[in-house]
Amino acid sequence: MPLEEILDKLKADMVAKGLTRHSRTGLDAMSKLELAMAIMDAYIRYPPPPASSAIFPANYCAAQLLVPAWMKGLFTWICN
């Protein structure tokens, strides 16, 4: 199945199931990175670590995509 067809099915499913706040037109207008992040937000659920041991309750390696450039080096030794 071609990638564009897969993405079309994912976008339609996200809108139909209410997994996104964006309309289909909004999803179509997104950059590839924005769309990838929206798909991950909709379909991938990581269980948070126990509150007692969580310093940062998220996927550490994916977090490096969301932080300022000067902080990315902090994640390098954890994720590589």
PDB file of N, CA and C in Angstrom:
ATOM      1  N   MET A   1       0.856  -1.168   0.000  1.00  0.00           N
ATOM      2  CA  MET A   1       0.000   0.000   0.000  1.00  0.00           C
ATOM      3  C   MET A   1       0.909   1.240   0.000  1.00  0.00           C
ATOM      4  N   PRO A   2       0.667   2.196  -0.861  1.00  0.00           N
ATOM      5  CA  PRO A   2       1.489   3.408  -0.915  1.00  0.00           C
ATOM      6  C   PRO A   2       1.357   4.241   0.370  1.00  0.00           C
ATOM      7  N   LEU A   3       2.428   4.944   0.719  1.00  0.00           N
ATOM      8  CA  LEU A   3       2.462   5.749   1.936  1.00  0.00           C
ATOM      9  C   LEU A   3       1.324   6.759   1.986  1.00  0.00           C
ATOM     10  N   GLU A   4       1.054   7.430   0.879  1.00  0.00           N
ATOM     11  CA  GLU A   4      -0.005   8.446   0.866  1.00  0.00           C
ATOM     12  C   GLU A   4      -1.369   7.828   1.188  1.00  0.00           C
ATOM     13  N   GLU A   5      -1.597   6.616   0.722  1.00  0.00           N
ATOM     14  CA  GLU A   5      -2.860   5.937   1.020  1.00  0.00           C
ATOM     15  C   GLU A   5      -2.956   5.602   2.509  1.00  0.00           C
ATOM     16  N   ILE A   6      -1.851   5.170   3.089  1.00  0.00           N
ATOM     17  CA  ILE A   6      -1.816   4.870   4.525  1.00  0.00           C
ATOM     18  C   ILE A   6      -2.083   6.139   5.329  1.00  0.00           C
ATOM     19  N   LEU A   7      -1.422   7.231   4.948  1.00  0.00           N
ATOM     20  CA  LEU A   7      -1.626   8.495   5.651  1.00  0.00           C
ATOM     21  C   LEU A   7      -3.065   8.981   5.514  1.00  0.00           C
ATOM     22  N   ASP A   8      -3.664   8.811   4.347  1.00  0.00           N
ATOM     23  CA  ASP A   8      -5.067   9.198   4.153  1.00  0.00           C
ATOM     24  C   ASP A   8      -5.977   8.409   5.085  1.00  0.00           C
ATOM     25  N   LYS A   9      -5.717   7.113   5.219  1.00  0.00           N
ATOM     26  CA  LYS A   9      -6.540   6.277   6.115  1.00  0.00           C
ATOM     27  C   LYS A   9      -6.359   6.696   7.567  1.00  0.00           C
ATOM     28  N   LEU A  10      -5.121   6.983   7.960  1.00  0.00           N
ATOM     29  CA  LEU A  10      -4.871   7.428   9.336  1.00  0.00           C
ATOM     30  C   LEU A  10      -5.557   8.762   9.613  1.00  0.00           C
ATOM     31  N   LYS A  11      -5.452   9.698   8.696  1.00  0.00           N
ATOM     32  CA  LYS A  11      -6.089  11.002   8.882  1.00  0.00           C
ATOM     33  C   LYS A  11      -7.603  10.855   8.992  1.00  0.00           C
ATOM     34  N   ALA A  12      -8.203  10.068   8.112  1.00  0.00           N
ATOM     35  CA  ALA A  12      -9.656   9.860   8.149  1.00  0.00           C
ATOM     36  C   ALA A  12     -10.074   9.205   9.465  1.00  0.00           C
ATOM     37  N   ASP A  13      -9.299   8.234   9.937  1.00  0.00           N
ATOM     38  CA  ASP A  13      -9.609   7.546  11.186  1.00  0.00           C
ATOM     39  C   ASP A  13      -9.489   8.492  12.378  1.00  0.00           C
ATOM     40  N   MET A  14      -8.451   9.315  12.382  1.00  0.00           N
ATOM     41  CA  MET A  14      -8.263  10.264  13.480  1.00  0.00           C
ATOM     42  C   MET A  14      -9.433  11.227  13.587  1.00  0.00           C
ATOM     43  N   VAL A  15      -9.899  11.729  12.455  1.00  0.00           N
ATOM     44  CA  VAL A  15     -11.025  12.665  12.454  1.00  0.00           C
ATOM     45  C   VAL A  15     -12.311  11.937  12.847  1.00  0.00           C
ATOM     46  N   ALA A  16     -12.553  10.757  12.287  1.00  0.00           N
ATOM     47  CA  ALA A  16     -13.785  10.013  12.565  1.00  0.00           C
ATOM     48  C   ALA A  16     -13.895   9.615  14.035  1.00  0.00           C
ATOM     49  N   LYS A  17     -12.770   9.253  14.661  1.00  0.00           N
ATOM     50  CA  LYS A  17     -12.781   8.820  16.061  1.00  0.00           C
ATOM     51  C   LYS A  17     -12.574   9.967  17.043  1.00  0.00           C
ATOM     52  N   GLY A  18     -12.404  11.180  16.535  1.00  0.00           N
ATOM     53  CA  GLY A  18     -12.201  12.332  17.413  1.00  0.00           C
ATOM     54  C   GLY A  18     -10.858  12.303  18.134  1.00  0.00           C
ATOM     55  N   LEU A  19      -9.849  11.716  17.511  1.00  0.00           N
ATOM     56  CA  LEU A  19      -8.527  11.600  18.123  1.00  0.00           C
ATOM     57  C   LEU A  19      -7.668  12.842  17.896  1.00  0.00           C
ATOM     58  N   THR A  20      -8.185  13.817  17.189  1.00  0.00           N
ATOM     59  CA  THR A  20      -7.449  15.044  16.909  1.00  0.00           C
ATOM     60  C   THR A  20      -8.391  16.225  16.998  1.00  0.00           C
ATOM     61  N   ARG A  21      -7.833  17.379  17.303  1.00  0.00           N
ATOM     62  CA  ARG A  21      -8.648  18.594  17.333  1.00  0.00           C
ATOM     63  C   ARG A  21      -8.683  19.259  15.969  1.00  0.00           C
ATOM     64  N   HIS A  22      -7.928  18.692  15.027  1.00  0.00           N
ATOM     65  CA  HIS A  22      -7.836  19.251  13.673  1.00  0.00           C
ATOM     66  C   HIS A  22      -8.894  18.637  12.762  1.00  0.00           C
ATOM     67  N   SER A  23      -9.303  19.408  11.761  1.00  0.00           N
ATOM     68  CA  SER A  23     -10.188  18.874  10.723  1.00  0.00           C
ATOM     69  C   SER A  23      -9.334  18.121   9.712  1.00  0.00           C
ATOM     70  N   ARG A  24      -9.970  17.435   8.807  1.00  0.00           N
ATOM     71  CA  ARG A  24      -9.237  16.731   7.752  1.00  0.00           C
ATOM     72  C   ARG A  24      -8.422  17.722   6.926  1.00  0.00           C
ATOM     73  N   THR A  25      -9.000  18.875   6.646  1.00  0.00           N
ATOM     74  CA  THR A  25      -8.277  19.906   5.893  1.00  0.00           C
ATOM     75  C   THR A  25      -7.059  20.375   6.673  1.00  0.00           C
ATOM     76  N   GLY A  26      -7.213  20.525   7.983  1.00  0.00           N
ATOM     77  CA  GLY A  26      -6.092  20.933   8.826  1.00  0.00           C
ATOM     78  C   GLY A  26      -4.980  19.907   8.825  1.00  0.00           C
ATOM     79  N   LEU A  27      -5.348  18.621   8.863  1.00  0.00           N
ATOM     80  CA  LEU A  27      -4.342  17.558   8.813  1.00  0.00           C
ATOM     81  C   LEU A  27      -3.628  17.543   7.464  1.00  0.00           C
ATOM     82  N   ASP A  28      -4.376  17.792   6.394  1.00  0.00           N
ATOM     83  CA  ASP A  28      -3.773  17.810   5.055  1.00  0.00           C
ATOM     84  C   ASP A  28      -2.773  18.957   4.897  1.00  0.00           C
ATOM     85  N   ALA A  29      -2.995  20.048   5.626  1.00  0.00           N
ATOM     86  CA  ALA A  29      -2.136  21.226   5.499  1.00  0.00           C
ATOM     87  C   ALA A  29      -0.875  21.148   6.361  1.00  0.00           C
ATOM     88  N   MET A  30      -0.785  20.151   7.223  1.00  0.00           N
ATOM     89  CA  MET A  30       0.366  20.041   8.129  1.00  0.00           C
ATOM     90  C   MET A  30       1.635  19.622   7.407  1.00  0.00           C
ATOM     91  N   SER A  31       2.764  20.030   7.983  1.00  0.00           N
ATOM     92  CA  SER A  31       4.046  19.534   7.483  1.00  0.00           C
ATOM     93  C   SER A  31       4.154  18.059   7.864  1.00  0.00           C
ATOM     94  N   LYS A  32       5.095  17.360   7.257  1.00  0.00           N
ATOM     95  CA  LYS A  32       5.275  15.928   7.564  1.00  0.00           C
ATOM     96  C   LYS A  32       5.590  15.722   9.044  1.00  0.00           C
ATOM     97  N   LEU A  33       6.419  16.588   9.636  1.00  0.00           N
ATOM     98  CA  LEU A  33       6.766  16.461  11.047  1.00  0.00           C
ATOM     99  C   LEU A  33       5.548  16.703  11.928  1.00  0.00           C
ATOM    100  N   GLU A  34       4.775  17.744  11.627  1.00  0.00           N
ATOM    101  CA  GLU A  34       3.570  18.016  12.414  1.00  0.00           C
ATOM    102  C   GLU A  34       2.584  16.860  12.323  1.00  0.00           C
ATOM    103  N   LEU A  35       2.413  16.311  11.128  1.00  0.00           N
ATOM    104  CA  LEU A  35       1.503  15.182  10.951  1.00  0.00           C
ATOM    105  C   LEU A  35       2.002  13.962  11.720  1.00  0.00           C
ATOM    106  N   ALA A  36       3.297  13.709  11.660  1.00  0.00           N
ATOM    107  CA  ALA A  36       3.866  12.573  12.399  1.00  0.00           C
ATOM    108  C   ALA A  36       3.625  12.726  13.898  1.00  0.00           C
ATOM    109  N   MET A  37       3.820  13.926  14.417  1.00  0.00           N
ATOM    110  CA  MET A  37       3.588  14.159  15.845  1.00  0.00           C
ATOM    111  C   MET A  37       2.113  13.993  16.195  1.00  0.00           C
ATOM    112  N   ALA A  38       1.214  14.458  15.322  1.00  0.00           N
ATOM    113  CA  ALA A  38      -0.225  14.308  15.559  1.00  0.00           C
ATOM    114  C   ALA A  38      -0.627  12.833  15.547  1.00  0.00           C
ATOM    115  N   ILE A  39      -0.063  12.054  14.635  1.00  0.00           N
ATOM    116  CA  ILE A  39      -0.355  10.614  14.580  1.00  0.00           C
ATOM    117  C   ILE A  39       0.153   9.928  15.844  1.00  0.00           C
ATOM    118  N   MET A  40       1.359  10.280  16.269  1.00  0.00           N
ATOM    119  CA  MET A  40       1.901   9.678  17.497  1.00  0.00           C
ATOM    120  C   MET A  40       1.055  10.059  18.702  1.00  0.00           C
ATOM    121  N   ASP A  41       0.619  11.325  18.779  1.00  0.00           N
ATOM    122  CA  ASP A  41      -0.237  11.750  19.890  1.00  0.00           C
ATOM    123  C   ASP A  41      -1.552  10.965  19.904  1.00  0.00           C
ATOM    124  N   ALA A  42      -2.079  10.675  18.727  1.00  0.00           N
ATOM    125  CA  ALA A  42      -3.370   9.994  18.638  1.00  0.00           C
ATOM    126  C   ALA A  42      -3.279   8.505  18.938  1.00  0.00           C
ATOM    127  N   TYR A  43      -2.216   7.846  18.502  1.00  0.00           N
ATOM    128  CA  TYR A  43      -2.193   6.383  18.543  1.00  0.00           C
ATOM    129  C   TYR A  43      -1.184   5.753  19.504  1.00  0.00           C
ATOM    130  N   ILE A  44      -0.167   6.486  19.921  1.00  0.00           N
ATOM    131  CA  ILE A  44       0.858   5.883  20.774  1.00  0.00           C
ATOM    132  C   ILE A  44       0.680   6.394  22.190  1.00  0.00           C
ATOM    133  N   ARG A  45       0.461   5.490  23.094  1.00  0.00           N
ATOM    134  CA  ARG A  45       0.300   5.824  24.505  1.00  0.00           C
ATOM    135  C   ARG A  45       1.364   5.083  25.301  1.00  0.00           C
ATOM    136  N   TYR A  46       2.255   5.842  25.903  1.00  0.00           N
ATOM    137  CA  TYR A  46       3.243   5.248  26.789  1.00  0.00           C
ATOM    138  C   TYR A  46       2.693   5.332  28.199  1.00  0.00           C
ATOM    139  N   PRO A  47       2.797   4.269  28.951  1.00  0.00           N
ATOM    140  CA  PRO A  47       2.353   4.404  30.337  1.00  0.00           C
ATOM    141  C   PRO A  47       3.341   5.303  31.078  1.00  0.00           C
ATOM    142  N   PRO A  48       2.841   6.247  31.837  1.00  0.00           N
ATOM    143  CA  PRO A  48       3.762   7.104  32.579  1.00  0.00           C
ATOM    144  C   PRO A  48       4.456   6.302  33.677  1.00  0.00           C
ATOM    145  N   PRO A  49       5.676   6.685  34.025  1.00  0.00           N
ATOM    146  CA  PRO A  49       6.343   6.004  35.116  1.00  0.00           C
ATOM    147  C   PRO A  49       5.620   6.304  36.422  1.00  0.00           C
ATOM    148  N   PRO A  50       5.849   5.495  37.443  1.00  0.00           N
ATOM    149  CA  PRO A  50       5.200   5.780  38.732  1.00  0.00           C
ATOM    150  C   PRO A  50       5.543   7.193  39.203  1.00  0.00           C
ATOM    151  N   ALA A  51       4.573   7.870  39.759  1.00  0.00           N
ATOM    152  CA  ALA A  51       4.779   9.257  40.188  1.00  0.00           C
ATOM    153  C   ALA A  51       5.925   9.383  41.179  1.00  0.00           C
ATOM    154  N   SER A  52       6.139   8.353  41.968  1.00  0.00           N
ATOM    155  CA  SER A  52       7.196   8.417  42.973  1.00  0.00           C
ATOM    156  C   SER A  52       8.597   8.449  42.357  1.00  0.00           C
ATOM    157  N   SER A  53       8.749   7.908  41.139  1.00  0.00           N
ATOM    158  CA  SER A  53      10.075   7.868  40.520  1.00  0.00           C
ATOM    159  C   SER A  53      10.184   8.752  39.273  1.00  0.00           C
ATOM    160  N   ALA A  54       9.117   9.440  38.917  1.00  0.00           N
ATOM    161  CA  ALA A  54       9.118  10.227  37.681  1.00  0.00           C
ATOM    162  C   ALA A  54       9.699  11.615  37.895  1.00  0.00           C
ATOM    163  N   ILE A  55      10.788  11.879  37.211  1.00  0.00           N
ATOM    164  CA  ILE A  55      11.311  13.239  37.171  1.00  0.00           C
ATOM    165  C   ILE A  55      10.692  13.944  35.973  1.00  0.00           C
ATOM    166  N   PHE A  56      10.580  13.201  34.895  1.00  0.00           N
ATOM    167  CA  PHE A  56      10.028  13.727  33.641  1.00  0.00           C
ATOM    168  C   PHE A  56       9.138  12.630  33.063  1.00  0.00           C
ATOM    169  N   PRO A  57       7.819  12.642  33.290  1.00  0.00           N
ATOM    170  CA  PRO A  57       6.938  11.543  32.887  1.00  0.00           C
ATOM    171  C   PRO A  57       6.593  11.553  31.404  1.00  0.00           C
ATOM    172  N   ALA A  58       7.577  11.240  30.566  1.00  0.00           N
ATOM    173  CA  ALA A  58       7.360  11.221  29.122  1.00  0.00           C
ATOM    174  C   ALA A  58       8.415  10.347  28.473  1.00  0.00           C
ATOM    175  N   ASN A  59       8.279  10.153  27.194  1.00  0.00           N
ATOM    176  CA  ASN A  59       9.290   9.435  26.427  1.00  0.00           C
ATOM    177  C   ASN A  59      10.484  10.375  26.274  1.00  0.00           C
ATOM    178  N   TYR A  60      11.570  10.067  26.948  1.00  0.00           N
ATOM    179  CA  TYR A  60      12.738  10.953  26.973  1.00  0.00           C
ATOM    180  C   TYR A  60      13.291  11.213  25.570  1.00  0.00           C
ATOM    181  N   CYS A  61      13.343  10.192  24.744  1.00  0.00           N
ATOM    182  CA  CYS A  61      13.946  10.354  23.418  1.00  0.00           C
ATOM    183  C   CYS A  61      13.053  11.174  22.485  1.00  0.00           C
ATOM    184  N   ALA A  62      11.749  11.055  22.616  1.00  0.00           N
ATOM    185  CA  ALA A  62      10.851  11.877  21.808  1.00  0.00           C
ATOM    186  C   ALA A  62      10.825  13.313  22.322  1.00  0.00           C
ATOM    187  N   ALA A  63      11.107  13.500  23.596  1.00  0.00           N
ATOM    188  CA  ALA A  63      11.083  14.838  24.178  1.00  0.00           C
ATOM    189  C   ALA A  63      12.109  15.756  23.529  1.00  0.00           C
ATOM    190  N   GLN A  64      13.204  15.187  23.033  1.00  0.00           N
ATOM    191  CA  GLN A  64      14.223  16.035  22.416  1.00  0.00           C
ATOM    192  C   GLN A  64      13.710  16.758  21.176  1.00  0.00           C
ATOM    193  N   LEU A  65      12.592  16.320  20.621  1.00  0.00           N
ATOM    194  CA  LEU A  65      11.992  17.013  19.487  1.00  0.00           C
ATOM    195  C   LEU A  65      11.238  18.266  19.911  1.00  0.00           C
ATOM    196  N   LEU A  66      10.950  18.369  21.198  1.00  0.00           N
ATOM    197  CA  LEU A  66      10.107  19.455  21.684  1.00  0.00           C
ATOM    198  C   LEU A  66      10.862  20.514  22.478  1.00  0.00           C
ATOM    199  N   VAL A  67      12.116  20.281  22.780  1.00  0.00           N
ATOM    200  CA  VAL A  67      12.874  21.220  23.612  1.00  0.00           C
ATOM    201  C   VAL A  67      13.708  22.158  22.755  1.00  0.00           C
ATOM    202  N   PRO A  68      14.135  23.283  23.332  1.00  0.00           N
ATOM    203  CA  PRO A  68      15.010  24.203  22.588  1.00  0.00           C
ATOM    204  C   PRO A  68      16.318  23.522  22.202  1.00  0.00           C
ATOM    205  N   ALA A  69      16.951  24.034  21.176  1.00  0.00           N
ATOM    206  CA  ALA A  69      18.176  23.426  20.638  1.00  0.00           C
ATOM    207  C   ALA A  69      19.261  23.280  21.690  1.00  0.00           C
ATOM    208  N   TRP A  70      19.390  24.234  22.591  1.00  0.00           N
ATOM    209  CA  TRP A  70      20.464  24.161  23.580  1.00  0.00           C
ATOM    210  C   TRP A  70      20.279  23.006  24.560  1.00  0.00           C
ATOM    211  N   MET A  71      19.066  22.457  24.674  1.00  0.00           N
ATOM    212  CA  MET A  71      18.816  21.342  25.587  1.00  0.00           C
ATOM    213  C   MET A  71      18.980  19.971  24.936  1.00  0.00           C
ATOM    214  N   LYS A  72      19.044  19.911  23.616  1.00  0.00           N
ATOM    215  CA  LYS A  72      19.094  18.628  22.916  1.00  0.00           C
ATOM    216  C   LYS A  72      20.296  17.792  23.325  1.00  0.00           C
ATOM    217  N   GLY A  73      21.407  18.426  23.640  1.00  0.00           N
ATOM    218  CA  GLY A  73      22.590  17.689  24.065  1.00  0.00           C
ATOM    219  C   GLY A  73      22.373  16.896  25.331  1.00  0.00           C
ATOM    220  N   LEU A  74      21.463  17.347  26.195  1.00  0.00           N
ATOM    221  CA  LEU A  74      21.184  16.620  27.422  1.00  0.00           C
ATOM    222  C   LEU A  74      20.590  15.241  27.158  1.00  0.00           C
ATOM    223  N   PHE A  75      19.873  15.116  26.051  1.00  0.00           N
ATOM    224  CA  PHE A  75      19.228  13.850  25.727  1.00  0.00           C
ATOM    225  C   PHE A  75      20.140  12.891  24.984  1.00  0.00           C
ATOM    226  N   THR A  76      21.212  13.395  24.406  1.00  0.00           N
ATOM    227  CA  THR A  76      22.104  12.575  23.588  1.00  0.00           C
ATOM    228  C   THR A  76      22.661  11.385  24.365  1.00  0.00           C
ATOM    229  N   TRP A  77      23.108  11.607  25.585  1.00  0.00           N
ATOM    230  CA  TRP A  77      23.707  10.503  26.345  1.00  0.00           C
ATOM    231  C   TRP A  77      22.674   9.511  26.833  1.00  0.00           C
ATOM    232  N   ILE A  78      21.407   9.877  26.879  1.00  0.00           N
ATOM    233  CA  ILE A  78      20.336   8.957  27.296  1.00  0.00           C
ATOM    234  C   ILE A  78      19.831   8.142  26.107  1.00  0.00           C
ATOM    235  N   CYS A  79      19.673   8.780  24.959  1.00  0.00           N
ATOM    236  CA  CYS A  79      18.961   8.179  23.836  1.00  0.00           C
ATOM    237  C   CYS A  79      19.859   7.533  22.779  1.00  0.00           C
ATOM    238  N   ASN A  80      21.123   7.750  22.811  1.00  0.00           N
ATOM    239  CA  ASN A  80      22.005   7.180  21.786  1.00  0.00           C
ATOM    240  C   ASN A  80      22.873   6.072  22.319  1.00  0.00           C
TER     241      ASN A  80
END
